[in-house]
Amino acid sequence: MKKKKWLKISVGILSILLIIDIIASFYFYNLAIDRNQKDFLQGNEDLEVSAEAMDVFLEGDWRKWVGDQDFDEWTMTSYDGLKLRGYFLEAKQPTNKIVVMAHGYLGNAMDMGLYGQYYYEKLGYNIFMADARGHGASEGEYIGFGWHDRKDYIDWVNRIVKEYGQDTEIVLHGVSMGAATMLMASGEELPDNVKAIVADSPYTSVEDMFSYQMNRMYNIPAFPVLPSTSLVSKAKAGYSFTEASSLEQVKKANVPILYIHGNADSFVPTKMAYKLYENTKSEAEIMTIDDAGHGEAFATKKEKYINKLNSFLQQYIGE
């Protein structure tokens, strides 16, 4: 009788824990992946922006520059039927050089104007920026964290090559989620036109990032909630956290990659960039920026950033 009683109690406890895990899984899916209003990052100390960077992000002349440009609006239907939106700006002088840029989590294409202005004004590039699925004017009911987006950007690149010619030389430049997107694309079959990738503040994988954030933001272990949330993501968004891996993709990369990361980044820890760099199959370089938080490197140490960027591009992009 005692054994039966303890068995019933054990089954009851496990059932309750399972229910809690299921509820938590849907909660975290809706919190981070479902396309909705995101308030959970407000007040996050890891995303506190330095005063120097804030001045650039909010009041920099790049914002006026973006507003003054006459972008051509492009639309594309993704491989799974979503209508995506992109923005192309032709260079002042004819050139075969194009930078394709990817924004971060909860951002939009025009955020990349911070970098686009330099490519356009100083380097003379054509520039292309897109709203990731689930962001801006693009369709999508979930955030892909780069995994499905990698295919979208390959499709954008192929369209650019088709419209601007086989001699087009393309640089992929992403920040945060956008950087992970470009790294995830690096492991796929890219056209030879893609000559270089710049990955600013990337994460190794969605699983690694969520595991880190669950512990840091909520003080809870990754298991069992993270695996079960991954199952919810697979069912509702079509990808699991384990498969969405920048790390596994760069192990197959053939395109040279420049990694840039702030040493003070506590939102996506700098060690992730080093791990990516150490496992990259293609030629790779890494530069870390002292005292820079997440995505702050260009805003706080612009001269150092562009000097490294220029020296990297000169190795792989024609005159």
Protein backbone atom coordinates (compact mmCIF):
# COMPACT_ATOMS: atom_id res chain seq x y z
CA MET A 1 0.00 0.00 0.00
CA LYS A 2 2.80 2.37 0.89
CA LYS A 3 4.50 1.74 -2.48
CA LYS A 4 1.26 2.49 -4.34
CA LYS A 5 0.77 5.63 -2.31
CA TRP A 6 4.29 6.91 -3.03
CA LEU A 7 3.88 5.97 -6.68
CA LYS A 8 0.72 8.05 -6.90
CA ILE A 9 2.44 10.96 -5.17
CA SER A 10 5.43 10.71 -7.50
CA VAL A 11 3.23 10.59 -10.57
CA GLY A 12 1.26 13.54 -9.27
CA ILE A 13 4.42 15.59 -8.67
CA LEU A 14 5.81 14.72 -12.10
CA SER A 15 2.50 15.64 -13.72
CA ILE A 16 2.51 19.02 -12.00
CA LEU A 17 6.13 19.63 -13.02
CA LEU A 18 5.31 18.67 -16.60
CA ILE A 19 2.38 21.08 -16.68
CA ILE A 20 4.56 23.85 -15.27
CA ASP A 21 7.22 23.09 -17.89
CA ILE A 22 4.67 23.22 -20.72
CA ILE A 23 3.25 26.51 -19.47
CA ALA A 24 6.76 27.96 -19.11
CA SER A 25 7.69 26.80 -22.62
CA PHE A 26 4.77 28.59 -24.24
CA TYR A 27 5.44 31.62 -22.06
CA PHE A 28 9.06 31.92 -23.20
CA TYR A 29 8.11 31.27 -26.82
CA ASN A 30 5.59 34.10 -26.71
CA LEU A 31 8.07 36.25 -24.83
CA ALA A 32 11.00 35.97 -27.22
CA ILE A 33 9.93 34.47 -30.55
CA ASP A 34 6.29 35.29 -31.27
CA ARG A 35 5.81 38.58 -33.10
CA ASN A 36 4.30 40.87 -30.51
CA GLN A 37 5.11 43.82 -28.31
CA LYS A 38 8.35 43.13 -26.44
CA ASP A 39 8.70 44.80 -23.05
CA PHE A 40 10.86 42.24 -21.28
CA LEU A 41 14.14 43.85 -22.36
CA GLN A 42 13.28 47.21 -20.83
CA GLY A 43 15.42 47.84 -17.80
CA ASN A 44 17.84 45.06 -18.71
CA GLU A 45 21.21 46.11 -17.30
CA ASP A 46 23.03 44.16 -20.02
CA LEU A 47 21.47 46.44 -22.62
CA GLU A 48 22.19 49.73 -20.89
CA VAL A 49 23.76 51.94 -23.54
CA SER A 50 26.67 54.21 -22.70
CA ALA A 51 26.02 57.95 -22.98
CA GLU A 52 28.52 58.17 -25.84
CA ALA A 53 26.79 55.44 -27.83
CA MET A 54 23.32 56.79 -27.01
CA ASP A 55 24.19 60.14 -28.55
CA VAL A 56 25.16 58.40 -31.77
CA PHE A 57 22.23 55.98 -31.86
CA LEU A 58 19.54 58.58 -31.15
CA GLU A 59 20.92 61.86 -32.41
CA GLY A 60 23.66 60.99 -34.89
CA ASP A 61 23.60 62.66 -38.30
CA TRP A 62 23.12 59.23 -39.85
CA ARG A 63 19.43 59.37 -39.00
CA LYS A 64 18.94 62.54 -41.05
CA TRP A 65 21.07 60.99 -43.78
CA VAL A 66 18.79 57.94 -43.93
CA GLY A 67 15.71 60.15 -44.10
CA ASP A 68 17.18 62.17 -46.96
CA GLN A 69 17.96 59.18 -49.20
CA ASP A 70 15.73 57.98 -52.00
CA PHE A 71 15.74 54.23 -51.43
CA ASP A 72 14.19 51.92 -53.98
CA GLU A 73 11.74 49.64 -52.19
CA TRP A 74 12.04 45.99 -53.13
CA THR A 75 9.66 43.18 -52.30
CA MET A 76 10.29 39.47 -52.40
CA THR A 77 8.29 36.37 -51.58
CA SER A 78 10.28 34.06 -49.33
CA TYR A 79 10.66 30.33 -49.90
CA ASP A 80 7.80 29.76 -47.42
CA GLY A 81 5.44 32.40 -48.79
CA LEU A 82 6.18 35.53 -46.75
CA LYS A 83 6.27 38.96 -48.39
CA LEU A 84 9.56 40.56 -47.40
CA ARG A 85 10.67 44.15 -47.83
CA GLY A 86 14.10 45.50 -48.73
CA TYR A 87 15.63 48.87 -49.57
CA PHE A 88 18.30 49.55 -52.21
CA LEU A 89 20.32 52.74 -52.65
CA GLU A 90 22.50 53.10 -55.71
CA ALA A 91 25.92 54.64 -55.22
CA LYS A 92 26.64 58.18 -56.42
CA GLN A 93 29.03 56.81 -59.02
CA PRO A 94 28.55 53.51 -60.86
CA THR A 95 30.24 50.64 -59.02
CA ASN A 96 30.02 46.87 -58.82
CA LYS A 97 30.41 46.91 -55.02
CA ILE A 98 27.38 46.33 -52.83
CA VAL A 99 27.02 45.89 -49.08
CA VAL A 100 24.05 43.83 -47.88
CA MET A 101 23.19 44.61 -44.26
CA ALA A 102 21.16 42.83 -41.59
CA HIS A 103 19.76 44.48 -38.44
CA GLY A 104 19.39 43.19 -34.91
CA TYR A 105 16.56 41.80 -32.77
CA LEU A 106 13.44 44.02 -32.75
CA GLY A 107 15.10 46.46 -35.14
CA ASN A 108 14.45 47.28 -38.78
CA ALA A 109 16.37 47.80 -41.99
CA MET A 110 16.92 51.53 -41.53
CA ASP A 111 18.83 50.93 -38.29
CA MET A 112 21.69 49.79 -40.51
CA GLY A 113 21.94 53.30 -41.92
CA LEU A 114 24.45 53.89 -39.13
CA TYR A 115 26.85 51.69 -41.10
CA GLY A 116 25.34 52.26 -44.53
CA GLN A 117 26.22 55.93 -44.47
CA TYR A 118 29.92 55.06 -44.20
CA TYR A 119 29.79 52.46 -46.97
CA TYR A 120 27.89 54.89 -49.20
CA GLU A 121 29.65 58.19 -48.48
CA LYS A 122 33.22 57.04 -47.85
CA LEU A 123 33.58 53.73 -49.68
CA GLY A 124 31.25 54.51 -52.58
CA TYR A 125 29.21 51.29 -52.28
CA ASN A 126 25.68 50.57 -53.33
CA ILE A 127 23.80 49.59 -50.17
CA PHE A 128 20.96 47.17 -49.52
CA MET A 129 19.10 46.73 -46.24
CA ALA A 130 16.14 44.46 -45.51
CA ASP A 131 13.52 44.09 -42.80
CA ALA A 132 14.00 40.59 -41.39
CA ARG A 133 10.96 38.33 -41.27
CA GLY A 134 8.83 39.27 -38.29
CA HIS A 135 10.25 42.81 -38.30
CA GLY A 136 9.46 46.16 -39.88
CA ALA A 137 7.41 45.98 -43.06
CA SER A 138 8.18 42.31 -43.69
CA GLU A 139 5.61 39.63 -42.99
CA GLY A 140 6.07 36.85 -40.48
CA GLU A 141 4.47 35.88 -37.19
CA TYR A 142 7.69 34.82 -35.52
CA ILE A 143 11.30 35.94 -35.14
CA GLY A 144 13.76 33.59 -36.81
CA PHE A 145 16.93 34.64 -34.97
CA GLY A 146 18.78 34.25 -38.25
CA TRP A 147 17.98 30.64 -39.09
CA HIS A 148 15.22 31.03 -41.67
CA ASP A 149 16.48 34.53 -42.41
CA ARG A 150 19.72 33.09 -43.78
CA LYS A 151 17.78 31.72 -46.74
CA ASP A 152 16.01 35.05 -47.20
CA TYR A 153 19.33 36.88 -47.46
CA ILE A 154 20.70 34.34 -49.92
CA ASP A 155 17.61 35.00 -52.06
CA TRP A 156 18.19 38.76 -51.79
CA VAL A 157 21.83 38.27 -52.82
CA ASN A 158 20.84 36.16 -55.81
CA ARG A 159 18.39 38.84 -56.91
CA ILE A 160 21.08 41.51 -56.62
CA VAL A 161 23.47 39.46 -58.74
CA LYS A 162 20.76 38.86 -61.33
CA GLU A 163 19.94 42.56 -61.57
CA TYR A 164 23.42 44.06 -61.27
CA GLY A 165 25.54 41.50 -63.06
CA GLN A 166 27.96 38.65 -62.51
CA ASP A 167 30.84 41.02 -61.78
CA THR A 168 29.06 42.31 -58.64
CA GLU A 169 31.16 42.11 -55.46
CA ILE A 170 29.12 41.77 -52.28
CA VAL A 171 29.91 42.28 -48.61
CA LEU A 172 27.51 40.90 -45.98
CA HIS A 173 27.46 43.03 -42.82
CA GLY A 174 25.28 42.24 -39.82
CA VAL A 175 24.93 43.34 -36.21
CA SER A 176 23.79 41.10 -33.31
CA MET A 177 20.96 38.93 -34.70
CA GLY A 178 21.91 40.26 -38.12
CA ALA A 179 25.50 39.14 -37.59
CA ALA A 180 24.30 35.65 -36.63
CA THR A 181 22.10 35.67 -39.74
CA MET A 182 25.08 36.34 -42.00
CA LEU A 183 27.15 33.66 -40.24
CA MET A 184 24.32 31.17 -40.65
CA ALA A 185 24.26 32.06 -44.34
CA SER A 186 28.04 31.50 -44.55
CA GLY A 187 27.58 27.75 -44.21
CA GLU A 188 25.27 27.57 -47.22
CA GLU A 189 26.11 27.61 -50.92
CA LEU A 190 26.69 31.30 -51.55
CA PRO A 191 27.35 32.77 -54.99
CA ASP A 192 30.99 33.60 -55.68
CA ASN A 193 29.98 37.28 -55.69
CA VAL A 194 29.94 37.25 -51.89
CA LYS A 195 33.52 38.23 -51.08
CA ALA A 196 33.47 38.97 -47.34
CA ILE A 197 31.34 38.90 -44.19
CA VAL A 198 31.44 41.33 -41.26
CA ALA A 199 29.85 39.94 -38.09
CA ASP A 200 29.42 42.53 -35.32
CA SER A 201 28.37 41.10 -31.92
CA PRO A 202 27.16 37.64 -33.05
CA TYR A 203 26.03 34.70 -30.92
CA THR A 204 27.14 31.09 -31.37
CA SER A 205 23.64 29.64 -31.47
CA VAL A 206 20.09 30.37 -30.40
CA GLU A 207 20.39 27.59 -27.83
CA ASP A 208 23.56 29.09 -26.31
CA MET A 209 22.11 32.58 -26.24
CA PHE A 210 18.82 31.56 -24.64
CA SER A 211 20.58 29.35 -22.11
CA TYR A 212 22.80 32.26 -21.13
CA GLN A 213 19.89 34.72 -20.93
CA MET A 214 17.59 32.41 -18.95
CA ASN A 215 20.23 32.10 -16.30
CA ARG A 216 21.20 35.77 -16.33
CA MET A 217 17.75 37.35 -16.59
CA TYR A 218 15.60 34.82 -14.73
CA ASN A 219 18.07 32.82 -12.63
CA ILE A 220 16.68 29.54 -13.87
CA PRO A 221 18.59 26.62 -15.37
CA ALA A 222 18.24 25.87 -19.06
CA PHE A 223 16.92 22.36 -18.43
CA PRO A 224 14.12 21.39 -18.77
CA VAL A 225 12.47 24.63 -19.95
CA LEU A 226 14.85 25.40 -22.83
CA PRO A 227 14.51 22.01 -24.60
CA SER A 228 10.74 22.10 -24.29
CA THR A 229 10.59 25.72 -25.52
CA SER A 230 12.69 24.57 -28.46
CA LEU A 231 10.05 21.94 -29.22
CA VAL A 232 7.37 24.63 -29.16
CA SER A 233 9.49 26.73 -31.52
CA LYS A 234 9.92 23.77 -33.87
CA ALA A 235 6.17 23.20 -33.92
CA LYS A 236 5.09 26.83 -34.27
CA ALA A 237 8.01 28.54 -36.06
CA GLY A 238 9.61 25.61 -37.86
CA TYR A 239 13.04 25.66 -36.25
CA SER A 240 14.64 24.31 -33.09
CA PHE A 241 17.21 26.15 -31.01
CA THR A 242 19.86 23.51 -31.57
CA GLU A 243 19.71 23.64 -35.35
CA ALA A 244 19.86 27.45 -35.42
CA SER A 245 23.62 27.50 -34.96
CA SER A 246 26.07 30.07 -36.27
CA LEU A 247 28.86 27.91 -34.87
CA GLU A 248 28.02 24.87 -36.96
CA GLN A 249 27.60 27.03 -40.05
CA VAL A 250 30.98 28.80 -39.85
CA LYS A 251 32.62 25.38 -39.68
CA LYS A 252 31.53 25.07 -43.33
CA ALA A 253 32.23 28.66 -44.40
CA ASN A 254 34.28 29.50 -47.46
CA VAL A 255 33.92 33.29 -47.30
CA PRO A 256 36.40 35.38 -45.23
CA ILE A 257 34.85 36.64 -41.99
CA LEU A 258 35.70 39.61 -39.77
CA TYR A 259 34.42 39.34 -36.21
CA ILE A 260 33.92 42.50 -34.14
CA HIS A 261 32.77 42.43 -30.53
CA GLY A 262 32.75 44.71 -27.51
CA ASN A 263 34.75 43.52 -24.53
CA ALA A 264 32.07 44.94 -22.22
CA ASP A 265 29.23 43.06 -23.93
CA SER A 266 27.33 41.20 -21.22
CA PHE A 267 24.22 40.60 -23.34
CA VAL A 268 26.02 38.42 -25.90
CA PRO A 269 29.28 37.56 -24.14
CA THR A 270 32.51 38.23 -26.03
CA LYS A 271 33.61 34.63 -25.58
CA MET A 272 31.00 33.65 -28.16
CA ALA A 273 32.81 35.69 -30.82
CA TYR A 274 36.10 34.02 -29.95
CA LYS A 275 34.51 30.59 -30.15
CA LEU A 276 33.11 31.42 -33.57
CA TYR A 277 36.47 32.76 -34.74
CA GLU A 278 38.36 29.69 -33.52
CA ASN A 279 35.97 27.37 -35.37
CA THR A 280 35.71 29.25 -38.66
CA LYS A 281 36.78 27.17 -41.65
CA SER A 282 37.47 30.15 -43.93
CA GLU A 283 39.99 32.93 -43.42
CA ALA A 284 38.99 34.97 -40.38
CA GLU A 285 40.00 37.90 -38.23
CA ILE A 286 38.72 39.18 -34.91
CA MET A 287 38.84 42.58 -33.25
CA THR A 288 37.47 43.35 -29.80
CA ILE A 289 36.72 46.88 -28.60
CA ASP A 290 37.48 47.83 -25.00
CA ASP A 291 34.60 49.26 -22.95
CA ALA A 292 32.05 48.68 -25.74
CA GLY A 293 28.73 47.08 -24.82
CA HIS A 294 26.44 45.13 -27.11
CA GLY A 295 26.54 46.57 -30.63
CA GLU A 296 28.32 49.71 -29.46
CA ALA A 297 31.69 49.27 -31.17
CA PHE A 298 31.00 51.47 -34.21
CA ALA A 299 29.42 54.21 -32.10
CA THR A 300 32.14 54.38 -29.45
CA LYS A 301 35.32 53.57 -31.39
CA LYS A 302 34.43 54.51 -34.95
CA GLU A 303 37.96 55.23 -36.16
CA LYS A 304 39.28 51.90 -34.91
CA TYR A 305 36.27 50.14 -36.35
CA ILE A 306 36.56 51.62 -39.83
CA ASN A 307 40.34 51.19 -39.95
CA LYS A 308 39.92 47.47 -39.32
CA LEU A 309 36.97 47.27 -41.69
CA ASN A 310 38.93 48.98 -44.46
CA SER A 311 42.01 46.82 -44.07
CA PHE A 312 39.85 43.69 -44.10
CA LEU A 313 37.86 44.69 -47.18
CA GLN A 314 40.97 45.71 -49.10
CA GLN A 315 42.17 42.11 -48.92
CA TYR A 316 39.09 40.68 -50.62
CA ILE A 317 37.37 43.43 -52.59
CA GLY A 318 38.78 44.71 -55.89
CA GLU A 319 39.87 48.29 -56.45
